[in-house]
């Protein structure tokens, strides 16, 4: 974030003045005179949780609330706001809280019912005691949260301090929440306290960035990280498909959009749906089955992390794993229930896509094909069991063995759908190109190479072109293969593959155009240079510890 000179000056002044000791902060509250207002930040200070997150955690029914939060994380609706409010830090909390209230209006009633229990469980007892011991205390509660969330909690302050605390917090309003958050805490505070009062005030906060201007304006700024404060993500203990993959395994990487939709379902659509008379029915059915598949597949992700933490000396785990490992377990019936629940309508739509009638009529006919539906459901469940067994086997072996199990996982991921819907030579070539390119990408990683330099999508493009060319040349009727499906597959691979060239560290050029032609290098220098290492066995290397930015799928 770019700061102006004034902002930098304010921030430095606030940092220089702030008191970091919780003991000194409590003393400042205990000894504050009547003319020195006490401004207490609410979230993670007076209330040792994040009130907005707790509000989102109260959405009922909880699976629906978890699905809403996952959808919001994927779609990111705050990015649709005008540029001045598109900053995630300003808008994300307001968008999530406001939309939750509009979509689930009963949450307001649920929140008021839970407020007393939450407040009593998470008050900062040290600050409450300090206020109680100061007969002159005049407390104003400030928050960058929202009034309809914070005020119901304030109603349940202990009786010994309730008279000393303003009944309503200085917080952000519902419809004007974005504007309030943009103005900042100092501007909001001026509506309650005069500037001389603010200049004499004591401020206790755990959030320096949100209160920089206010910290610099008060007489006694206290910036304290309370050890009892804890941030727990909303719905962290509720299973919803792909929450673990999106939030824990690949945080901040748009796993659902990039890996599930663009990197899996789109290929299935080109390979299978293009051959159906009901394209949309077939594609929608494949989408439901794709999510059904991933419900079971991501159990392997969770298992991989648990085994890595238990047995590996340097496991590659995201920072969020510690937060979720005891709250969101995938070794429960929930993923399987979701997988089966999603598969039933998906199988009906796939069956309906085989009929020539209109879409509504075809769906009605397919829904009454009980024997076919039962057979396909049994087939699909057996396939999911095979996927789970393969991933379990993959997780039990070391890195060397995983190289050879990995292609079976990829083959299942792409060709397993052929049990239910047919494809042709173009579809086989496309799916095989994707499976082989991912295997090469994974092998480079497991053999010690830098797979960040390997353009995976470009490799998929090259393999598709080679496979399609070979299939066309060997066909008795090559013209039959030149179809809209083949063209779409090429264009899609091309669009994805062009981006891969940007990941190549060294530009592609002729040898004669290199800055130092090989002929000009003395033979002694050439002999002294070590041979380039393409891949090193994992038995002959020490695996460096990877940071979160380098973290990637152990099995895509």
Protein backbone atom coordinates (compact mmCIF):
# COMPACT_ATOMS: atom_id res chain seq x y z
CA UNK A 1 0.00 0.00 0.00
CA UNK A 2 1.34 3.41 -0.95
CA UNK A 3 1.31 6.01 1.81
CA UNK A 4 1.52 9.74 1.45
CA UNK A 5 4.09 11.67 3.46
CA UNK A 6 1.35 12.78 5.88
CA UNK A 7 0.23 9.18 6.43
CA UNK A 8 3.78 8.04 7.07
CA UNK A 9 4.29 10.88 9.54
CA UNK A 10 1.07 10.02 11.40
CA UNK A 11 1.96 6.34 11.49
CA UNK A 12 5.46 7.03 12.83
CA UNK A 13 4.11 9.40 15.46
CA UNK A 14 1.53 6.86 16.56
CA UNK A 15 4.14 4.12 16.77
CA UNK A 16 6.51 6.29 18.78
CA UNK A 17 3.80 7.25 21.29
CA UNK A 18 2.09 3.88 21.66
CA UNK A 19 2.49 1.79 24.80
CA UNK A 20 2.93 -1.91 24.06
CA UNK A 21 2.66 -3.25 27.61
CA UNK A 22 -0.73 -4.63 28.70
CA UNK A 23 0.23 -3.79 32.29
CA UNK A 24 0.75 -0.12 31.48
CA UNK A 25 -2.46 -0.08 29.44
CA UNK A 26 -4.43 -1.41 32.41
CA UNK A 27 -2.76 1.13 34.70
CA UNK A 28 -3.72 3.91 32.28
CA UNK A 29 -7.36 2.80 32.41
CA UNK A 30 -7.32 2.47 36.21
CA UNK A 31 -5.86 5.93 36.79
CA UNK A 32 -7.59 7.93 34.04
CA UNK A 33 -9.14 11.12 35.41
CA UNK A 34 -12.71 12.19 34.71
CA UNK A 35 -11.50 14.69 32.09
CA UNK A 36 -9.59 11.90 30.28
CA UNK A 37 -12.05 9.78 28.29
CA UNK A 38 -11.10 6.13 27.86
CA UNK A 39 -11.51 4.90 24.28
CA UNK A 40 -11.55 1.12 24.06
CA UNK A 41 -11.35 -0.68 20.75
CA UNK A 42 -13.97 -3.43 20.73
CA UNK A 43 -12.68 -6.28 18.59
CA UNK A 44 -9.81 -8.27 20.11
CA UNK A 45 -9.50 -5.71 22.93
CA UNK A 46 -12.64 -5.32 25.05
CA UNK A 47 -14.16 -8.32 23.27
CA UNK A 48 -11.46 -10.95 22.73
CA UNK A 49 -12.82 -12.11 19.38
CA UNK A 50 -13.63 -10.51 16.05
CA UNK A 51 -17.30 -9.56 16.28
CA UNK A 52 -17.93 -9.60 12.51
CA UNK A 53 -16.48 -13.09 12.20
CA UNK A 54 -18.58 -14.30 15.12
CA UNK A 55 -21.66 -12.80 13.47
CA UNK A 56 -20.92 -14.64 10.22
CA UNK A 57 -20.40 -17.78 12.26
CA UNK A 58 -23.97 -17.46 13.55
CA UNK A 59 -25.61 -17.83 10.12
CA UNK A 60 -28.17 -20.60 10.22
CA UNK A 61 -28.39 -23.24 8.85
CA UNK A 62 -24.64 -23.54 9.21
CA UNK A 63 -23.92 -25.61 6.05
CA UNK A 64 -25.72 -22.95 4.04
CA UNK A 65 -23.71 -20.25 5.80
CA UNK A 66 -20.48 -22.06 5.06
CA UNK A 67 -21.48 -22.41 1.41
CA UNK A 68 -22.23 -18.66 1.29
CA UNK A 69 -18.79 -17.77 2.69
CA UNK A 70 -17.07 -20.15 0.27
CA UNK A 71 -18.97 -18.69 -2.69
CA UNK A 72 -18.06 -15.18 -1.56
CA UNK A 73 -14.38 -16.17 -1.28
CA UNK A 74 -14.48 -17.46 -4.86
CA UNK A 75 -16.57 -14.68 -6.44
CA UNK A 76 -15.16 -11.81 -4.30
CA UNK A 77 -18.14 -9.46 -4.73
CA UNK A 78 -16.28 -6.57 -3.06
CA UNK A 79 -14.25 -6.27 -6.25
CA UNK A 80 -17.40 -5.14 -8.07
CA UNK A 81 -17.60 -1.97 -6.01
CA UNK A 82 -16.34 1.38 -7.31
CA UNK A 83 -12.55 1.71 -7.33
CA UNK A 84 -12.43 3.81 -4.16
CA UNK A 85 -14.07 0.96 -2.21
CA UNK A 86 -12.65 -2.04 -4.04
CA UNK A 87 -9.82 -2.26 -1.50
CA UNK A 88 -10.35 -5.59 0.25
CA UNK A 89 -9.31 -4.20 3.63
CA UNK A 90 -12.07 -1.60 3.56
CA UNK A 91 -14.92 -3.41 1.87
CA UNK A 92 -14.65 -7.17 2.46
CA UNK A 93 -16.03 -7.27 6.01
CA UNK A 94 -18.91 -4.91 5.21
CA UNK A 95 -19.90 -6.80 2.05
CA UNK A 96 -19.86 -10.16 3.84
CA UNK A 97 -21.81 -8.91 6.86
CA UNK A 98 -24.35 -6.87 4.88
CA UNK A 99 -25.02 -9.62 2.33
CA UNK A 100 -25.36 -12.20 5.11
CA UNK A 101 -27.96 -10.00 6.79
CA UNK A 102 -29.91 -9.52 3.57
CA UNK A 103 -29.72 -13.15 2.46
CA UNK A 104 -30.33 -14.62 5.91
CA UNK A 105 -32.36 -11.92 7.72
CA UNK A 106 -33.13 -14.24 10.64
CA UNK A 107 -29.43 -14.02 11.51
CA UNK A 108 -30.21 -10.79 13.37
CA UNK A 109 -32.50 -12.71 15.72
CA UNK A 110 -30.04 -15.59 16.06
CA UNK A 111 -27.28 -13.10 16.84
CA UNK A 112 -29.27 -11.40 19.61
CA UNK A 113 -30.02 -14.81 21.11
CA UNK A 114 -26.33 -15.73 21.11
CA UNK A 115 -25.01 -12.32 22.17
CA UNK A 116 -25.25 -12.86 25.92
CA UNK A 117 -23.36 -16.16 25.87
CA UNK A 118 -20.66 -14.85 23.53
CA UNK A 119 -20.20 -11.63 25.49
CA UNK A 120 -19.87 -13.34 28.85
CA UNK A 121 -17.45 -15.91 27.43
CA UNK A 122 -15.13 -13.45 25.70
CA UNK A 123 -15.01 -10.18 27.68
CA UNK A 124 -11.51 -8.97 28.50
CA UNK A 125 -11.66 -9.53 32.25
CA UNK A 126 -8.52 -7.45 32.87
CA UNK A 127 -9.99 -4.38 31.21
CA UNK A 128 -13.38 -4.93 32.85
CA UNK A 129 -11.69 -5.07 36.27
CA UNK A 130 -9.62 -1.95 35.50
CA UNK A 131 -12.76 0.01 34.55
CA UNK A 132 -14.54 -1.18 37.68
CA UNK A 133 -11.65 0.01 39.87
CA UNK A 134 -11.70 3.52 38.40
CA UNK A 135 -14.58 5.53 39.90
CA UNK A 136 -13.99 8.35 37.40
CA UNK A 137 -13.93 6.16 34.30
CA UNK A 138 -15.83 7.44 31.26
CA UNK A 139 -15.55 4.82 28.54
CA UNK A 140 -16.37 5.12 24.86
CA UNK A 141 -16.24 1.93 22.80
CA UNK A 142 -14.86 2.32 19.28
CA UNK A 143 -15.00 -0.25 16.53
CA UNK A 144 -14.31 -0.63 12.84
CA UNK A 145 -17.01 -3.27 12.97
CA UNK A 146 -20.71 -2.66 12.65
CA UNK A 147 -23.26 -1.21 15.03
CA UNK A 148 -25.91 -3.91 14.48
CA UNK A 149 -23.30 -6.50 15.51
CA UNK A 150 -21.42 -4.72 18.31
CA UNK A 151 -24.31 -3.09 20.22
CA UNK A 152 -26.15 -6.34 21.08
CA UNK A 153 -22.94 -7.55 22.73
CA UNK A 154 -22.50 -4.28 24.66
CA UNK A 155 -25.93 -4.76 26.20
CA UNK A 156 -24.46 -7.61 28.25
CA UNK A 157 -21.57 -5.81 29.91
CA UNK A 158 -21.11 -6.68 33.60
CA UNK A 159 -23.27 -4.51 35.80
CA UNK A 160 -20.29 -3.01 37.68
CA UNK A 161 -19.04 -1.28 34.50
CA UNK A 162 -22.20 -0.88 32.43
CA UNK A 163 -22.93 2.60 33.85
CA UNK A 164 -19.46 3.82 32.95
CA UNK A 165 -19.59 2.70 29.30
CA UNK A 166 -21.54 4.47 26.58
CA UNK A 167 -24.56 2.34 25.66
CA UNK A 168 -23.75 2.40 21.95
CA UNK A 169 -20.41 1.87 20.27
CA UNK A 170 -18.91 4.29 17.81
CA UNK A 171 -19.11 1.83 14.93
CA UNK A 172 -20.01 1.65 11.25
CA UNK A 173 -23.62 1.81 10.15
CA UNK A 174 -25.43 -0.65 7.88
CA UNK A 175 -25.99 1.19 4.61
CA UNK A 176 -23.23 3.75 5.19
CA UNK A 177 -20.73 1.14 6.37
CA UNK A 178 -18.32 1.58 3.47
CA UNK A 179 -18.21 5.36 3.86
CA UNK A 180 -17.74 5.04 7.63
CA UNK A 181 -14.85 2.58 7.26
CA UNK A 182 -13.23 4.75 4.60
CA UNK A 183 -13.27 7.85 6.84
CA UNK A 184 -11.50 6.04 9.65
CA UNK A 185 -11.87 5.77 13.41
CA UNK A 186 -10.73 9.33 14.19
CA UNK A 187 -13.45 10.86 12.02
CA UNK A 188 -16.10 8.62 13.59
CA UNK A 189 -14.89 9.53 17.08
CA UNK A 190 -15.24 13.27 16.45
CA UNK A 191 -19.01 12.76 16.27
CA UNK A 192 -19.01 11.69 19.93
CA UNK A 193 -16.06 13.50 21.50
CA UNK A 194 -14.72 16.98 20.86
CA UNK A 195 -11.19 17.41 19.61
CA UNK A 196 -9.92 18.62 23.03
CA UNK A 197 -11.48 15.53 24.64
CA UNK A 198 -9.80 13.25 22.09
CA UNK A 199 -6.49 15.01 22.72
CA UNK A 200 -6.78 14.15 26.45
CA UNK A 201 -8.02 10.61 25.94
CA UNK A 202 -6.59 7.17 26.66
CA UNK A 203 -6.84 4.74 23.75
CA UNK A 204 -6.43 0.97 24.04
CA UNK A 205 -6.40 -0.97 20.78
CA UNK A 206 -4.90 -4.07 19.23
CA UNK A 207 -5.28 -2.82 15.65
CA UNK A 208 -2.68 -0.21 14.84
CA UNK A 209 -3.34 0.02 11.10
CA UNK A 210 -7.05 0.69 11.51
CA UNK A 211 -6.47 3.32 14.21
CA UNK A 212 -3.26 5.04 13.10
CA UNK A 213 -4.72 8.57 13.05
CA UNK A 214 -6.55 8.08 16.35
CA UNK A 215 -3.42 6.70 18.03
CA UNK A 216 -1.53 9.84 17.07
CA UNK A 217 -4.35 12.16 18.23
CA UNK A 218 -4.85 10.89 21.80
CA UNK A 219 -2.71 11.71 24.83
CA UNK A 220 -2.11 8.10 25.97
CA UNK A 221 -2.11 5.58 23.11
CA UNK A 222 -1.87 1.93 24.19
CA UNK A 223 -1.31 -0.63 21.48
CA UNK A 224 -1.67 -4.09 23.02
CA UNK A 225 -1.91 -7.58 21.56
CA UNK A 226 -3.82 -9.47 24.20
CA UNK A 227 -2.65 -13.09 24.46
CA UNK A 228 -6.19 -14.25 25.18
CA UNK A 229 -7.51 -12.73 21.95
CA UNK A 230 -8.08 -15.24 19.18
CA UNK A 231 -9.25 -14.97 15.60
CA UNK A 232 -11.21 -18.03 14.47
CA UNK A 233 -12.51 -18.12 10.91
CA UNK A 234 -16.26 -18.28 10.53
CA UNK A 235 -17.67 -21.77 9.89
CA UNK A 236 -14.22 -23.27 10.39
CA UNK A 237 -15.77 -26.44 11.80
CA UNK A 238 -18.43 -26.93 9.11
CA UNK A 239 -17.70 -29.11 6.11
CA UNK A 240 -18.67 -27.72 2.74
CA UNK A 241 -17.17 -29.11 -0.48
CA UNK A 242 -13.77 -27.64 -1.33
CA UNK A 243 -13.52 -25.40 1.73
CA UNK A 244 -10.39 -27.27 2.81
CA UNK A 245 -8.88 -27.11 -0.68
CA UNK A 246 -9.66 -23.40 -1.06
CA UNK A 247 -8.82 -22.11 2.42
CA UNK A 248 -6.23 -24.53 3.80
CA UNK A 249 -4.46 -26.45 1.06
CA UNK A 250 -4.21 -23.56 -1.40
CA UNK A 251 -5.07 -20.32 0.42
CA UNK A 252 -5.29 -17.30 -1.83
CA UNK A 253 -4.83 -19.33 -5.03
CA UNK A 254 -8.39 -19.46 -6.36
CA UNK A 255 -8.32 -23.24 -6.27
CA UNK A 256 -11.96 -23.68 -7.25
CA UNK A 257 -11.81 -21.41 -10.27
CA UNK A 258 -8.35 -22.35 -11.53
CA UNK A 259 -8.08 -26.05 -10.65
CA UNK A 260 -11.64 -27.33 -10.45
CA UNK A 261 -13.49 -25.22 -13.03
CA UNK A 262 -10.86 -24.17 -15.56
CA UNK A 263 -8.43 -27.04 -15.02
CA UNK A 264 -10.87 -29.94 -14.75
CA UNK A 265 -14.52 -29.33 -15.60
CA UNK A 266 -13.81 -27.25 -18.73
CA UNK A 267 -11.73 -30.10 -20.19
CA UNK A 268 -14.51 -32.58 -19.44
CA UNK A 269 -17.03 -30.33 -21.19
CA UNK A 270 -14.91 -30.18 -24.33
CA UNK A 271 -14.23 -33.92 -24.27
CA UNK A 272 -17.77 -35.11 -23.49
CA UNK A 273 -20.45 -32.41 -23.72
CA UNK A 274 -19.64 -31.39 -27.30
CA UNK A 275 -20.90 -34.81 -28.41
CA UNK A 276 -24.27 -34.50 -26.65
CA UNK A 277 -27.51 -33.30 -28.24
CA UNK A 278 -28.24 -31.47 -24.97
CA UNK A 279 -24.99 -29.59 -24.37
CA UNK A 280 -26.18 -27.61 -21.35
CA UNK A 281 -27.74 -30.62 -19.62
CA UNK A 282 -24.59 -32.65 -20.15
CA UNK A 283 -22.28 -29.85 -19.02
CA UNK A 284 -24.36 -29.15 -15.91
CA UNK A 285 -24.44 -32.83 -15.04
CA UNK A 286 -20.66 -33.00 -15.42
CA UNK A 287 -20.31 -29.95 -13.18
CA UNK A 288 -22.25 -31.63 -10.37
CA UNK A 289 -20.27 -34.84 -10.79
CA UNK A 290 -17.03 -32.87 -10.82
CA UNK A 291 -17.85 -31.37 -7.43
CA UNK A 292 -18.96 -34.81 -6.25
CA UNK A 293 -15.57 -36.19 -7.28
CA UNK A 294 -13.69 -33.39 -5.51
CA UNK A 295 -15.58 -33.99 -2.27
CA UNK A 296 -13.84 -37.37 -2.05
CA UNK A 297 -10.58 -36.30 -3.67
CA UNK A 298 -9.91 -33.54 -1.15
CA UNK A 299 -10.06 -36.08 1.67
CA UNK A 300 -6.68 -37.10 0.30
CA UNK A 301 -5.44 -33.51 0.62
CA UNK A 302 -6.38 -33.45 4.29
CA UNK A 303 -4.87 -36.90 4.85
CA UNK A 304 -1.68 -35.82 3.05
CA UNK A 305 -1.28 -32.84 5.38
CA UNK A 306 -1.95 -34.91 8.50
CA UNK A 307 0.57 -37.58 7.48
CA UNK A 308 3.10 -34.92 6.51
CA UNK A 309 2.84 -33.23 9.89
CA UNK A 310 3.18 -36.56 11.67
CA UNK A 311 6.00 -38.24 9.78
CA UNK A 312 7.92 -35.65 7.71
CA UNK A 313 10.75 -33.61 9.17
CA UNK A 314 9.89 -30.59 7.00
CA UNK A 315 6.25 -30.95 5.94
CA UNK A 316 4.94 -28.53 3.34
CA UNK A 317 1.90 -27.12 5.12
CA UNK A 318 0.09 -23.83 4.74
CA UNK A 319 -0.10 -21.45 7.69
CA UNK A 320 -3.83 -22.11 7.98
CA UNK A 321 -3.38 -25.82 8.60
CA UNK A 322 -2.76 -25.27 12.31
CA UNK A 323 -5.94 -23.21 12.56
CA UNK A 324 -8.13 -25.79 10.84
CA UNK A 325 -6.60 -29.17 11.65
CA UNK A 326 -8.58 -29.70 14.85
CA UNK A 327 -11.73 -27.96 13.66
CA UNK A 328 -12.30 -29.28 10.15
CA UNK A 329 -11.71 -33.00 9.84
CA UNK A 330 -12.43 -34.79 6.59
CA UNK A 331 -12.33 -38.34 7.93
CA UNK A 332 -16.07 -38.12 8.62
CA UNK A 333 -19.16 -39.15 6.62
CA UNK A 334 -19.80 -35.51 5.59
CA UNK A 335 -17.67 -35.49 2.38
CA UNK A 336 -19.25 -38.76 1.25
CA UNK A 337 -22.76 -37.49 1.96
CA UNK A 338 -22.08 -34.38 -0.11
CA UNK A 339 -20.52 -36.47 -2.89
CA UNK A 340 -23.54 -38.78 -3.12
CA UNK A 341 -26.00 -35.89 -2.78
CA UNK A 342 -24.38 -33.96 -5.63
CA UNK A 343 -24.06 -37.03 -7.84
CA UNK A 344 -27.77 -37.92 -7.95
CA UNK A 345 -28.97 -34.80 -9.87
CA UNK A 346 -25.78 -34.95 -11.91
CA UNK A 347 -26.51 -38.51 -13.01
CA UNK A 348 -30.12 -37.58 -13.86
CA UNK A 349 -28.94 -34.70 -16.06
CA UNK A 350 -26.35 -36.89 -17.79
CA UNK A 351 -28.99 -39.51 -18.52
CA UNK A 352 -31.41 -36.83 -19.75
CA UNK A 353 -28.79 -35.54 -22.20
CA UNK A 354 -29.07 -38.87 -24.07
CA UNK A 355 -32.72 -38.32 -25.06
CA UNK A 356 -33.90 -36.41 -28.11
CA UNK A 357 -36.85 -34.75 -26.39
CA UNK A 358 -36.79 -31.19 -25.11
CA UNK A 359 -34.76 -30.60 -21.96
CA UNK A 360 -37.70 -30.60 -19.47
CA UNK A 361 -39.19 -33.74 -21.04
CA UNK A 362 -35.81 -35.46 -21.11
CA UNK A 363 -35.22 -34.69 -17.43
CA UNK A 364 -38.63 -36.08 -16.51
CA UNK A 365 -37.98 -39.28 -18.45
CA UNK A 366 -34.51 -39.69 -16.95
CA UNK A 367 -35.80 -39.15 -13.42
CA UNK A 368 -38.11 -42.15 -13.82
CA UNK A 369 -35.42 -44.46 -15.18
CA UNK A 370 -34.94 -46.03 -11.75
CA UNK A 371 -32.92 -49.05 -12.84
CA UNK A 372 -30.54 -47.00 -14.94
CA UNK A 373 -30.15 -44.41 -12.21
CA UNK A 374 -29.49 -47.10 -9.58
CA UNK A 375 -26.91 -48.78 -11.80
CA UNK A 376 -25.12 -45.50 -12.61
CA UNK A 377 -25.19 -44.47 -8.95
CA UNK A 378 -23.60 -47.77 -7.92
CA UNK A 379 -21.00 -47.39 -10.65
CA UNK A 380 -20.20 -43.84 -9.52
CA UNK A 381 -19.88 -44.78 -5.85
CA UNK A 382 -17.53 -47.63 -6.78
CA UNK A 383 -15.49 -45.14 -8.79
CA UNK A 384 -15.29 -42.74 -5.84
CA UNK A 385 -14.17 -45.60 -3.59
CA UNK A 386 -11.43 -46.42 -6.11
CA UNK A 387 -10.34 -42.77 -6.16
CA UNK A 388 -10.19 -42.68 -2.37
CA UNK A 389 -8.23 -45.96 -2.26
CA UNK A 390 -5.71 -44.69 -4.83
CA UNK A 391 -5.11 -41.44 -2.97
CA UNK A 392 -4.79 -43.35 0.32
CA UNK A 393 -2.17 -45.58 -1.30
CA UNK A 394 -0.40 -42.50 -2.65
CA UNK A 395 -0.20 -40.96 0.83
CA UNK A 396 1.27 -44.11 2.39
CA UNK A 397 4.38 -44.22 0.19
CA UNK A 398 7.46 -42.03 -0.01
CA UNK A 399 8.25 -39.47 -2.70
CA UNK A 400 9.92 -41.90 -5.10
CA UNK A 401 6.90 -44.21 -5.18
CA UNK A 402 4.44 -41.33 -5.46
CA UNK A 403 5.85 -40.40 -8.86
CA UNK A 404 4.45 -43.66 -10.26
CA UNK A 405 1.12 -43.55 -8.41
CA UNK A 406 0.40 -39.98 -9.45
CA UNK A 407 -0.50 -40.75 -13.11
CA UNK A 408 -3.18 -43.16 -11.90
CA UNK A 409 -4.75 -40.33 -9.88
CA UNK A 410 -4.75 -38.11 -12.95
CA UNK A 411 -6.15 -40.83 -15.18
CA UNK A 412 -9.00 -41.42 -12.74
CA UNK A 413 -9.68 -37.71 -12.49
CA UNK A 414 -10.15 -37.33 -16.23
CA UNK A 415 -11.11 -40.68 -17.73
CA UNK A 416 -13.26 -41.96 -14.86
CA UNK A 417 -16.19 -39.95 -16.23
CA UNK A 418 -16.06 -42.07 -19.40
CA UNK A 419 -17.86 -44.79 -17.42
CA UNK A 420 -20.99 -42.69 -17.66
CA UNK A 421 -20.66 -40.66 -20.85
CA UNK A 422 -18.85 -41.42 -24.08
CA UNK A 423 -16.17 -39.41 -25.87
CA UNK A 424 -14.22 -39.72 -29.13
CA UNK A 425 -10.61 -39.64 -30.32
CA UNK A 426 -10.37 -35.85 -29.92
CA UNK A 427 -11.57 -36.08 -26.33
CA UNK A 428 -9.13 -38.87 -25.54
CA UNK A 429 -6.21 -36.90 -26.99
CA UNK A 430 -7.20 -33.77 -25.03
CA UNK A 431 -7.56 -35.55 -21.68
CA UNK A 432 -4.41 -37.58 -22.23
CA UNK A 433 -2.43 -34.39 -23.03
CA UNK A 434 -3.62 -32.85 -19.76
CA UNK A 435 -2.85 -35.96 -17.70
CA UNK A 436 0.66 -36.41 -19.14
CA UNK A 437 1.56 -32.72 -18.82
CA UNK A 438 0.56 -32.76 -15.14
CA UNK A 439 2.58 -35.91 -14.57
CA UNK A 440 5.66 -34.28 -16.12
CA UNK A 441 5.09 -31.19 -14.00
CA UNK A 442 4.81 -33.27 -10.84
CA UNK A 443 7.84 -35.44 -11.73
CA UNK A 444 10.05 -32.38 -12.12
CA UNK A 445 8.99 -31.26 -8.64
CA UNK A 446 9.59 -34.66 -7.04
CA UNK A 447 12.98 -35.04 -8.71
CA UNK A 448 14.27 -31.77 -7.32
CA UNK A 449 13.69 -29.52 -10.32
CA UNK A 450 12.08 -26.11 -10.34
CA UNK A 451 8.59 -26.79 -11.66
CA UNK A 452 7.86 -23.08 -11.47
CA UNK A 453 9.97 -22.77 -14.63
CA UNK A 454 8.02 -25.50 -16.41
CA UNK A 455 5.04 -24.08 -18.36
CA UNK A 456 2.44 -26.72 -17.59
CA UNK A 457 -0.30 -25.32 -19.84
CA UNK A 458 2.11 -24.82 -22.73
CA UNK A 459 3.17 -28.44 -22.39
CA UNK A 460 -0.50 -29.48 -22.52
CA UNK A 461 -0.92 -27.45 -25.72
CA UNK A 462 2.12 -29.07 -27.38
CA UNK A 463 1.02 -32.57 -26.37
CA UNK A 464 -2.49 -31.94 -27.68
CA UNK A 465 -1.20 -30.68 -31.03
CA UNK A 466 1.15 -33.67 -31.36
CA UNK A 467 -1.53 -36.15 -30.34
CA UNK A 468 -4.19 -34.64 -32.58
CA UNK A 469 -1.79 -34.47 -35.53
CA UNK A 470 -0.74 -38.08 -35.09
CA UNK A 471 -4.37 -39.23 -34.75
CA UNK A 472 -5.45 -37.26 -37.81
CA UNK A 473 -2.60 -38.51 -39.99
CA UNK A 474 -3.25 -42.13 -39.03
CA UNK A 475 -7.01 -41.91 -39.49
CA UNK A 476 -8.76 -43.41 -42.51
CA UNK A 477 -10.97 -40.32 -42.72
CA UNK A 478 -9.02 -37.34 -41.29
CA UNK A 479 -11.78 -34.88 -42.19
CA UNK A 480 -14.05 -36.41 -39.53
CA UNK A 481 -11.65 -35.28 -36.80
CA UNK A 482 -11.58 -31.64 -37.90
CA UNK A 483 -14.62 -30.46 -35.95
CA UNK A 484 -15.80 -27.65 -33.70
CA UNK A 485 -14.80 -29.80 -30.76
CA UNK A 486 -11.21 -30.13 -32.00
CA UNK A 487 -11.02 -26.40 -32.73
CA UNK A 488 -12.40 -25.47 -29.33
CA UNK A 489 -9.93 -27.80 -27.64
CA UNK A 490 -7.05 -26.19 -29.53
CA UNK A 491 -8.18 -22.63 -28.80
CA UNK A 492 -8.70 -23.39 -25.10
CA UNK A 493 -5.28 -25.02 -24.79
CA UNK A 494 -3.75 -22.15 -26.76
CA UNK A 495 -5.25 -19.46 -24.52
CA UNK A 496 -4.02 -21.27 -21.43
CA UNK A 497 -0.68 -22.14 -23.02
CA UNK A 498 0.22 -18.60 -24.10
CA UNK A 499 0.26 -17.53 -20.46
CA UNK A 500 2.75 -20.32 -19.79
CA UNK A 501 5.42 -18.64 -21.89
CA UNK A 502 5.54 -15.80 -19.35
CA UNK A 503 6.80 -18.25 -16.73
CA UNK A 504 9.88 -19.12 -18.79
CA UNK A 505 12.74 -17.32 -17.01
CA UNK A 506 15.05 -17.08 -20.03
CA UNK A 507 13.64 -15.76 -23.32
CA UNK A 508 13.62 -18.14 -26.27
CA UNK A 509 16.18 -17.09 -28.86
CA UNK A 510 18.68 -18.41 -31.41
CA UNK A 511 22.02 -19.63 -30.09
CA UNK A 512 23.78 -17.13 -32.34
CA UNK A 513 21.90 -14.28 -30.65
CA UNK A 514 23.06 -15.11 -27.13
CA UNK A 515 25.18 -12.48 -25.41
CA UNK A 516 28.16 -14.82 -25.04
CA UNK A 517 28.46 -17.23 -28.01
CA UNK A 518 29.81 -20.63 -26.93
CA UNK A 519 32.69 -20.37 -29.41
CA UNK A 520 34.18 -17.38 -27.57
CA UNK A 521 34.39 -19.19 -24.23
CA UNK A 522 37.81 -20.75 -23.59
CA UNK A 523 37.86 -24.53 -23.51
CA UNK A 524 39.30 -24.51 -19.99
CA UNK A 525 36.33 -22.49 -18.74
CA UNK A 526 33.87 -24.80 -20.46
CA UNK A 527 35.53 -27.80 -18.89
CA UNK A 528 35.42 -26.16 -15.47
CA UNK A 529 31.68 -25.48 -15.64
CA UNK A 530 29.49 -28.13 -14.03
CA UNK A 531 27.05 -29.98 -16.23
CA UNK A 532 23.47 -28.72 -15.97
CA UNK A 533 21.37 -30.74 -13.59
CA UNK A 534 17.97 -31.62 -15.02
CA UNK A 535 16.71 -33.77 -12.18
CA UNK A 536 18.25 -35.05 -8.98
CA UNK A 537 16.94 -38.08 -7.15
CA UNK A 538 15.32 -37.28 -3.87
CA UNK A 539 17.65 -39.82 -2.29
CA UNK A 540 20.59 -37.61 -3.29
CA UNK A 541 19.36 -34.24 -2.13
CA UNK A 542 18.16 -32.42 0.92
CA UNK A 543 14.73 -30.95 0.35
CA UNK A 544 14.78 -27.23 1.23
CA UNK A 545 12.01 -25.88 3.39
CA UNK A 546 9.41 -24.20 1.22
CA UNK A 547 7.60 -21.01 2.06
CA UNK A 548 3.85 -20.65 1.64
CA UNK A 549 4.24 -18.89 -1.70
CA UNK A 550 6.09 -21.94 -3.01
CA UNK A 551 3.54 -24.31 -1.59
CA UNK A 552 1.69 -26.25 -4.27
CA UNK A 553 -0.46 -29.27 -4.66
CA UNK A 554 1.19 -32.54 -3.76
CA UNK A 555 -1.42 -34.13 -5.96
CA UNK A 556 -3.35 -31.84 -8.30
